[in-house]
All heavy atoms as atom14 arrays in JSON, in Angstrom:
{
  "sequence": "RFAGGDLDTRMRTLCRVWDRLADRKLKPRTILL",
  "atom14_mask": [
    [1, 1, 1, 1, 1, 1, 1, 1, 1, 1, 1, 0, 0, 0],
    [1, 1, 1, 1, 1, 1, 1, 1, 1, 1, 1, 0, 0, 0],
    [1, 1, 1, 1, 1, 0, 0, 0, 0, 0, 0, 0, 0, 0],
    [1, 1, 1, 1, 0, 0, 0, 0, 0, 0, 0, 0, 0, 0],
    [1, 1, 1, 1, 0, 0, 0, 0, 0, 0, 0, 0, 0, 0],
    [1, 1, 1, 1, 1, 1, 1, 1, 0, 0, 0, 0, 0, 0],
    [1, 1, 1, 1, 1, 1, 1, 1, 0, 0, 0, 0, 0, 0],
    [1, 1, 1, 1, 1, 1, 1, 1, 0, 0, 0, 0, 0, 0],
    [1, 1, 1, 1, 1, 1, 1, 0, 0, 0, 0, 0, 0, 0],
    [1, 1, 1, 1, 1, 1, 1, 1, 1, 1, 1, 0, 0, 0],
    [1, 1, 1, 1, 1, 1, 1, 1, 0, 0, 0, 0, 0, 0],
    [1, 1, 1, 1, 1, 1, 1, 1, 1, 1, 1, 0, 0, 0],
    [1, 1, 1, 1, 1, 1, 1, 0, 0, 0, 0, 0, 0, 0],
    [1, 1, 1, 1, 1, 1, 1, 1, 0, 0, 0, 0, 0, 0],
    [1, 1, 1, 1, 1, 1, 0, 0, 0, 0, 0, 0, 0, 0],
    [1, 1, 1, 1, 1, 1, 1, 1, 1, 1, 1, 0, 0, 0],
    [1, 1, 1, 1, 1, 1, 1, 0, 0, 0, 0, 0, 0, 0],
    [1, 1, 1, 1, 1, 1, 1, 1, 1, 1, 1, 1, 1, 1],
    [1, 1, 1, 1, 1, 1, 1, 1, 0, 0, 0, 0, 0, 0],
    [1, 1, 1, 1, 1, 1, 1, 1, 1, 1, 1, 0, 0, 0],
    [1, 1, 1, 1, 1, 1, 1, 1, 0, 0, 0, 0, 0, 0],
    [1, 1, 1, 1, 1, 0, 0, 0, 0, 0, 0, 0, 0, 0],
    [1, 1, 1, 1, 1, 1, 1, 1, 0, 0, 0, 0, 0, 0],
    [1, 1, 1, 1, 1, 1, 1, 1, 1, 1, 1, 0, 0, 0],
    [1, 1, 1, 1, 1, 1, 1, 1, 1, 0, 0, 0, 0, 0],
    [1, 1, 1, 1, 1, 1, 1, 1, 0, 0, 0, 0, 0, 0],
    [1, 1, 1, 1, 1, 1, 1, 1, 1, 0, 0, 0, 0, 0],
    [1, 1, 1, 1, 1, 1, 1, 0, 0, 0, 0, 0, 0, 0],
    [1, 1, 1, 1, 1, 1, 1, 1, 1, 1, 1, 0, 0, 0],
    [1, 1, 1, 1, 1, 1, 1, 0, 0, 0, 0, 0, 0, 0],
    [1, 1, 1, 1, 1, 1, 1, 1, 0, 0, 0, 0, 0, 0],
    [1, 1, 1, 1, 1, 1, 1, 1, 0, 0, 0, 0, 0, 0],
    [1, 1, 1, 1, 1, 1, 1, 1, 0, 0, 0, 0, 0, 0]
  ],
  "atom14_positions": [
    [[0.84, -1.2, 0.0], [-0.01, 0.01, 0.0], [0.88, 1.26, 0.0], [1.76, 1.4, 0.84], [-0.92, 0.04, 1.23], [-1.88, 1.2, 1.26], [-2.58, 1.35, 2.55], [-3.33, 0.15, 2.9], [-3.8, -0.11, 4.13], [-3.57, 0.73, 5.13], [-4.48, -1.2, 4.35], [0.0, 0.0, 0.0], [0.0, 0.0, 0.0], [0.0, 0.0, 0.0]],
    [[0.56, 2.14, -0.95], [1.25, 3.43, -1.06], [0.24, 4.52, -0.66], [-0.88, 4.55, -1.22], [1.71, 3.69, -2.48], [2.75, 2.69, -2.98], [2.35, 1.49, -3.53], [4.1, 2.98, -2.91], [3.27, 0.58, -4.01], [5.05, 2.06, -3.38], [4.65, 0.87, -3.92], [0.0, 0.0, 0.0], [0.0, 0.0, 0.0], [0.0, 0.0, 0.0]],
    [[0.63, 5.41, 0.23], [-0.28, 6.48, 0.61], [0.49, 7.76, 0.75], [1.25, 7.93, 1.71], [-1.01, 6.13, 1.9], [0.0, 0.0, 0.0], [0.0, 0.0, 0.0], [0.0, 0.0, 0.0], [0.0, 0.0, 0.0], [0.0, 0.0, 0.0], [0.0, 0.0, 0.0], [0.0, 0.0, 0.0], [0.0, 0.0, 0.0], [0.0, 0.0, 0.0]],
    [[0.29, 8.66, -0.19], [0.92, 9.99, -0.11], [2.43, 9.91, -0.29], [3.05, 8.86, -0.45], [0.0, 0.0, 0.0], [0.0, 0.0, 0.0], [0.0, 0.0, 0.0], [0.0, 0.0, 0.0], [0.0, 0.0, 0.0], [0.0, 0.0, 0.0], [0.0, 0.0, 0.0], [0.0, 0.0, 0.0], [0.0, 0.0, 0.0], [0.0, 0.0, 0.0]],
    [[3.05, 11.07, -0.3], [4.49, 11.18, -0.4], [5.01, 10.94, -1.79], [4.21, 10.68, -2.74], [0.0, 0.0, 0.0], [0.0, 0.0, 0.0], [0.0, 0.0, 0.0], [0.0, 0.0, 0.0], [0.0, 0.0, 0.0], [0.0, 0.0, 0.0], [0.0, 0.0, 0.0], [0.0, 0.0, 0.0], [0.0, 0.0, 0.0], [0.0, 0.0, 0.0]],
    [[6.28, 11.06, -1.96], [6.94, 10.87, -3.27], [6.98, 9.4, -3.62], [7.51, 8.59, -2.84], [8.35, 11.49, -3.21], [9.06, 11.32, -4.55], [8.6, 11.91, -5.57], [10.03, 10.58, -4.56], [0.0, 0.0, 0.0], [0.0, 0.0, 0.0], [0.0, 0.0, 0.0], [0.0, 0.0, 0.0], [0.0, 0.0, 0.0], [0.0, 0.0, 0.0]],
    [[6.48, 9.07, -4.79], [6.39, 7.67, -5.2], [7.76, 7.05, -5.36], [7.99, 5.89, -4.95], [5.62, 7.52, -6.51], [5.38, 6.1, -7.03], [4.63, 5.29, -6.03], [4.63, 6.15, -8.37], [0.0, 0.0, 0.0], [0.0, 0.0, 0.0], [0.0, 0.0, 0.0], [0.0, 0.0, 0.0], [0.0, 0.0, 0.0], [0.0, 0.0, 0.0]],
    [[8.74, 7.8, -5.92], [10.06, 7.23, -6.07], [10.7, 6.9, -4.73], [11.39, 5.86, -4.58], [10.94, 8.2, -6.84], [10.53, 8.35, -8.29], [9.94, 7.38, -8.83], [10.78, 9.42, -8.9], [0.0, 0.0, 0.0], [0.0, 0.0, 0.0], [0.0, 0.0, 0.0], [0.0, 0.0, 0.0], [0.0, 0.0, 0.0], [0.0, 0.0, 0.0]],
    [[10.48, 7.75, -3.73], [11.02, 7.47, -2.39], [10.39, 6.22, -1.81], [11.06, 5.36, -1.23], [10.77, 8.66, -1.47], [11.4, 9.82, -1.99], [11.29, 8.39, -0.05], [0.0, 0.0, 0.0], [0.0, 0.0, 0.0], [0.0, 0.0, 0.0], [0.0, 0.0, 0.0], [0.0, 0.0, 0.0], [0.0, 0.0, 0.0], [0.0, 0.0, 0.0]],
    [[9.08, 6.1, -2.01], [8.35, 4.9, -1.5], [8.89, 3.63, -2.18], [9.0, 2.58, -1.54], [6.86, 5.05, -1.78], [6.19, 6.26, -1.19], [5.98, 6.11, 0.31], [5.21, 7.2, 0.85], [4.92, 7.37, 2.13], [5.37, 6.5, 3.01], [4.19, 8.42, 2.56], [0.0, 0.0, 0.0], [0.0, 0.0, 0.0], [0.0, 0.0, 0.0]],
    [[9.19, 3.72, -3.46], [9.67, 2.53, -4.17], [11.08, 2.14, -3.69], [11.39, 0.95, -3.61], [9.63, 2.78, -5.67], [8.28, 2.79, -6.26], [8.27, 2.89, -8.06], [6.53, 2.8, -8.41], [0.0, 0.0, 0.0], [0.0, 0.0, 0.0], [0.0, 0.0, 0.0], [0.0, 0.0, 0.0], [0.0, 0.0, 0.0], [0.0, 0.0, 0.0]],
    [[11.9, 3.11, -3.42], [13.25, 2.81, -2.88], [13.09, 2.11, -1.51], [13.86, 1.16, -1.2], [14.08, 4.06, -2.76], [14.57, 4.59, -4.11], [15.65, 5.63, -3.94], [15.15, 6.85, -3.29], [14.64, 7.87, -3.98], [14.59, 7.86, -5.28], [14.21, 8.95, -3.34], [0.0, 0.0, 0.0], [0.0, 0.0, 0.0], [0.0, 0.0, 0.0]],
    [[12.15, 2.61, -0.71], [11.91, 1.97, 0.59], [11.41, 0.54, 0.39], [11.82, -0.37, 1.1], [10.88, 2.78, 1.38], [11.34, 4.1, 1.59], [10.57, 2.13, 2.72], [0.0, 0.0, 0.0], [0.0, 0.0, 0.0], [0.0, 0.0, 0.0], [0.0, 0.0, 0.0], [0.0, 0.0, 0.0], [0.0, 0.0, 0.0], [0.0, 0.0, 0.0]],
    [[10.53, 0.35, -0.6], [10.01, -0.99, -0.87], [11.17, -1.96, -1.22], [11.21, -3.07, -0.69], [9.03, -0.94, -2.04], [8.53, -2.27, -2.59], [7.77, -3.06, -1.52], [7.66, -2.07, -3.82], [0.0, 0.0, 0.0], [0.0, 0.0, 0.0], [0.0, 0.0, 0.0], [0.0, 0.0, 0.0], [0.0, 0.0, 0.0], [0.0, 0.0, 0.0]],
    [[12.09, -1.53, -2.06], [13.19, -2.38, -2.45], [14.08, -2.69, -1.25], [14.57, -3.82, -1.09], [14.0, -1.74, -3.54], [13.34, -2.07, -5.21], [0.0, 0.0, 0.0], [0.0, 0.0, 0.0], [0.0, 0.0, 0.0], [0.0, 0.0, 0.0], [0.0, 0.0, 0.0], [0.0, 0.0, 0.0], [0.0, 0.0, 0.0], [0.0, 0.0, 0.0]],
    [[14.32, -1.72, -0.41], [15.15, -1.93, 0.77], [14.52, -2.99, 1.7], [15.19, -3.92, 2.17], [15.33, -0.62, 1.51], [16.22, -0.71, 2.75], [16.62, 0.68, 3.24], [15.44, 1.55, 3.42], [14.72, 1.56, 4.56], [15.0, 0.74, 5.52], [13.7, 2.39, 4.65], [0.0, 0.0, 0.0], [0.0, 0.0, 0.0], [0.0, 0.0, 0.0]],
    [[13.19, -2.85, 1.93], [12.49, -3.79, 2.77], [12.47, -5.19, 2.11], [12.72, -6.2, 2.77], [11.05, -3.3, 3.03], [10.23, -4.37, 3.72], [11.08, -2.03, 3.85], [0.0, 0.0, 0.0], [0.0, 0.0, 0.0], [0.0, 0.0, 0.0], [0.0, 0.0, 0.0], [0.0, 0.0, 0.0], [0.0, 0.0, 0.0], [0.0, 0.0, 0.0]],
    [[12.23, -5.21, 0.82], [12.12, -6.48, 0.11], [13.46, -7.23, 0.16], [13.5, -8.45, 0.38], [11.72, -6.24, -1.34], [11.01, -7.39, -1.98], [11.53, -8.54, -2.42], [9.6, -7.47, -2.27], [10.58, -9.36, -2.94], [9.35, -8.74, -2.87], [8.51, -6.6, -2.04], [8.11, -9.15, -3.28], [7.27, -7.03, -2.45], [7.05, -8.27, -3.06]],
    [[14.57, -6.52, 0.0], [15.89, -7.15, 0.06], [16.18, -7.69, 1.47], [16.76, -8.76, 1.61], [16.96, -6.15, -0.35], [16.93, -5.86, -1.85], [16.37, -6.65, -2.61], [17.45, -4.81, -2.25], [0.0, 0.0, 0.0], [0.0, 0.0, 0.0], [0.0, 0.0, 0.0], [0.0, 0.0, 0.0], [0.0, 0.0, 0.0], [0.0, 0.0, 0.0]],
    [[15.8, -6.94, 2.5], [16.0, -7.4, 3.87], [15.23, -8.64, 4.15], [15.73, -9.59, 4.82], [15.67, -6.29, 4.86], [16.64, -5.1, 4.86], [16.27, -4.08, 5.88], [16.2, -4.6, 7.23], [15.87, -3.87, 8.3], [15.52, -2.59, 8.15], [15.87, -4.43, 9.52], [0.0, 0.0, 0.0], [0.0, 0.0, 0.0], [0.0, 0.0, 0.0]],
    [[13.98, -8.66, 3.69], [13.18, -9.88, 3.88], [13.77, -11.06, 3.17], [13.78, -12.19, 3.7], [11.77, -9.6, 3.41], [10.95, -8.6, 4.23], [9.6, -8.3, 3.53], [10.68, -9.09, 5.64], [0.0, 0.0, 0.0], [0.0, 0.0, 0.0], [0.0, 0.0, 0.0], [0.0, 0.0, 0.0], [0.0, 0.0, 0.0], [0.0, 0.0, 0.0]],
    [[14.27, -10.84, 1.97], [14.87, -11.93, 1.18], [16.1, -12.47, 1.9], [16.35, -13.7, 1.93], [15.2, -11.47, -0.22], [0.0, 0.0, 0.0], [0.0, 0.0, 0.0], [0.0, 0.0, 0.0], [0.0, 0.0, 0.0], [0.0, 0.0, 0.0], [0.0, 0.0, 0.0], [0.0, 0.0, 0.0], [0.0, 0.0, 0.0], [0.0, 0.0, 0.0]],
    [[16.93, -11.58, 2.5], [18.09, -12.01, 3.23], [17.73, -12.89, 4.41], [18.46, -13.82, 4.76], [18.93, -10.8, 3.68], [19.55, -10.05, 2.52], [19.69, -10.64, 1.44], [19.88, -8.85, 2.72], [0.0, 0.0, 0.0], [0.0, 0.0, 0.0], [0.0, 0.0, 0.0], [0.0, 0.0, 0.0], [0.0, 0.0, 0.0], [0.0, 0.0, 0.0]],
    [[16.58, -12.61, 5.02], [16.13, -13.38, 6.18], [15.26, -14.57, 5.79], [14.74, -15.26, 6.64], [15.35, -12.46, 7.13], [16.17, -11.28, 7.66], [15.31, -10.44, 8.56], [16.0, -9.19, 8.96], [15.47, -8.31, 9.79], [14.26, -8.49, 10.32], [16.17, -7.22, 10.09], [0.0, 0.0, 0.0], [0.0, 0.0, 0.0], [0.0, 0.0, 0.0]],
    [[15.07, -14.72, 4.45], [14.22, -15.81, 3.93], [12.81, -15.72, 4.47], [12.15, -16.7, 4.85], [14.82, -17.17, 4.25], [16.2, -17.39, 3.61], [16.69, -18.8, 3.86], [18.05, -19.08, 3.27], [18.53, -18.24, 2.22], [0.0, 0.0, 0.0], [0.0, 0.0, 0.0], [0.0, 0.0, 0.0], [0.0, 0.0, 0.0], [0.0, 0.0, 0.0]],
    [[12.28, -14.51, 4.54], [10.94, -14.22, 5.0], [10.08, -13.79, 3.82], [10.56, -13.05, 2.94], [10.93, -13.15, 6.09], [11.65, -13.5, 7.37], [11.7, -12.29, 8.29], [11.01, -14.66, 8.1], [0.0, 0.0, 0.0], [0.0, 0.0, 0.0], [0.0, 0.0, 0.0], [0.0, 0.0, 0.0], [0.0, 0.0, 0.0], [0.0, 0.0, 0.0]],
    [[8.83, -14.2, 3.83], [7.9, -13.83, 2.77], [6.87, -12.87, 3.33], [6.17, -13.18, 4.29], [7.22, -15.06, 2.19], [8.18, -16.01, 1.46], [7.43, -17.19, 0.86], [8.39, -18.11, 0.11], [7.66, -19.27, -0.46], [0.0, 0.0, 0.0], [0.0, 0.0, 0.0], [0.0, 0.0, 0.0], [0.0, 0.0, 0.0], [0.0, 0.0, 0.0]],
    [[6.7, -11.69, 2.73], [5.7, -10.76, 3.22], [4.29, -11.09, 2.72], [4.11, -11.69, 1.68], [6.17, -9.43, 2.61], [6.82, -9.83, 1.32], [7.44, -11.15, 1.56], [0.0, 0.0, 0.0], [0.0, 0.0, 0.0], [0.0, 0.0, 0.0], [0.0, 0.0, 0.0], [0.0, 0.0, 0.0], [0.0, 0.0, 0.0], [0.0, 0.0, 0.0]],
    [[3.34, -10.71, 3.53], [1.95, -10.78, 3.13], [1.46, -9.37, 2.73], [0.8, -9.19, 1.71], [1.05, -11.35, 4.25], [-0.44, -11.22, 4.02], [-0.93, -11.97, 2.8], [-0.68, -13.39, 2.91], [-0.97, -14.28, 1.96], [-1.46, -13.85, 0.8], [-0.72, -15.53, 2.13], [0.0, 0.0, 0.0], [0.0, 0.0, 0.0], [0.0, 0.0, 0.0]],
    [[1.85, -8.42, 3.57], [1.47, -7.02, 3.32], [2.61, -6.07, 3.7], [3.25, -6.3, 4.71], [0.22, -6.64, 4.15], [-0.86, -7.54, 3.87], [-0.24, -5.2, 3.82], [0.0, 0.0, 0.0], [0.0, 0.0, 0.0], [0.0, 0.0, 0.0], [0.0, 0.0, 0.0], [0.0, 0.0, 0.0], [0.0, 0.0, 0.0], [0.0, 0.0, 0.0]],
    [[2.84, -5.11, 2.86], [3.83, -4.06, 3.14], [3.09, -2.75, 3.07], [2.51, -2.39, 2.04], [5.0, -4.07, 2.16], [5.72, -5.42, 2.23], [5.96, -2.94, 2.46], [6.85, -5.57, 1.21], [0.0, 0.0, 0.0], [0.0, 0.0, 0.0], [0.0, 0.0, 0.0], [0.0, 0.0, 0.0], [0.0, 0.0, 0.0], [0.0, 0.0, 0.0]],
    [[3.14, -2.0, 4.17], [2.43, -0.7, 4.23], [3.47, 0.44, 4.14], [4.29, 0.6, 5.08], [1.63, -0.59, 5.54], [0.62, -1.74, 5.78], [-0.07, -1.54, 7.14], [-0.4, -1.8, 4.66], [0.0, 0.0, 0.0], [0.0, 0.0, 0.0], [0.0, 0.0, 0.0], [0.0, 0.0, 0.0], [0.0, 0.0, 0.0], [0.0, 0.0, 0.0]],
    [[3.38, 1.16, 3.08], [4.27, 2.33, 2.89], [3.38, 3.6, 3.02], [3.25, 4.36, 2.08], [4.93, 2.27, 1.52], [5.81, 1.05, 1.26], [6.21, 0.99, -0.21], [7.05, 1.06, 2.15], [0.0, 0.0, 0.0], [0.0, 0.0, 0.0], [0.0, 0.0, 0.0], [0.0, 0.0, 0.0], [0.0, 0.0, 0.0], [0.0, 0.0, 0.0]]
  ]
}
């Protein structure tokens, strides 16, 4: 979920979170940005 703010910043945050989850071998159900 994206709500407000700069979309490019939100997408960079998404990639950072996604990479951290992959390193921990965790699968997300929901990511709230």
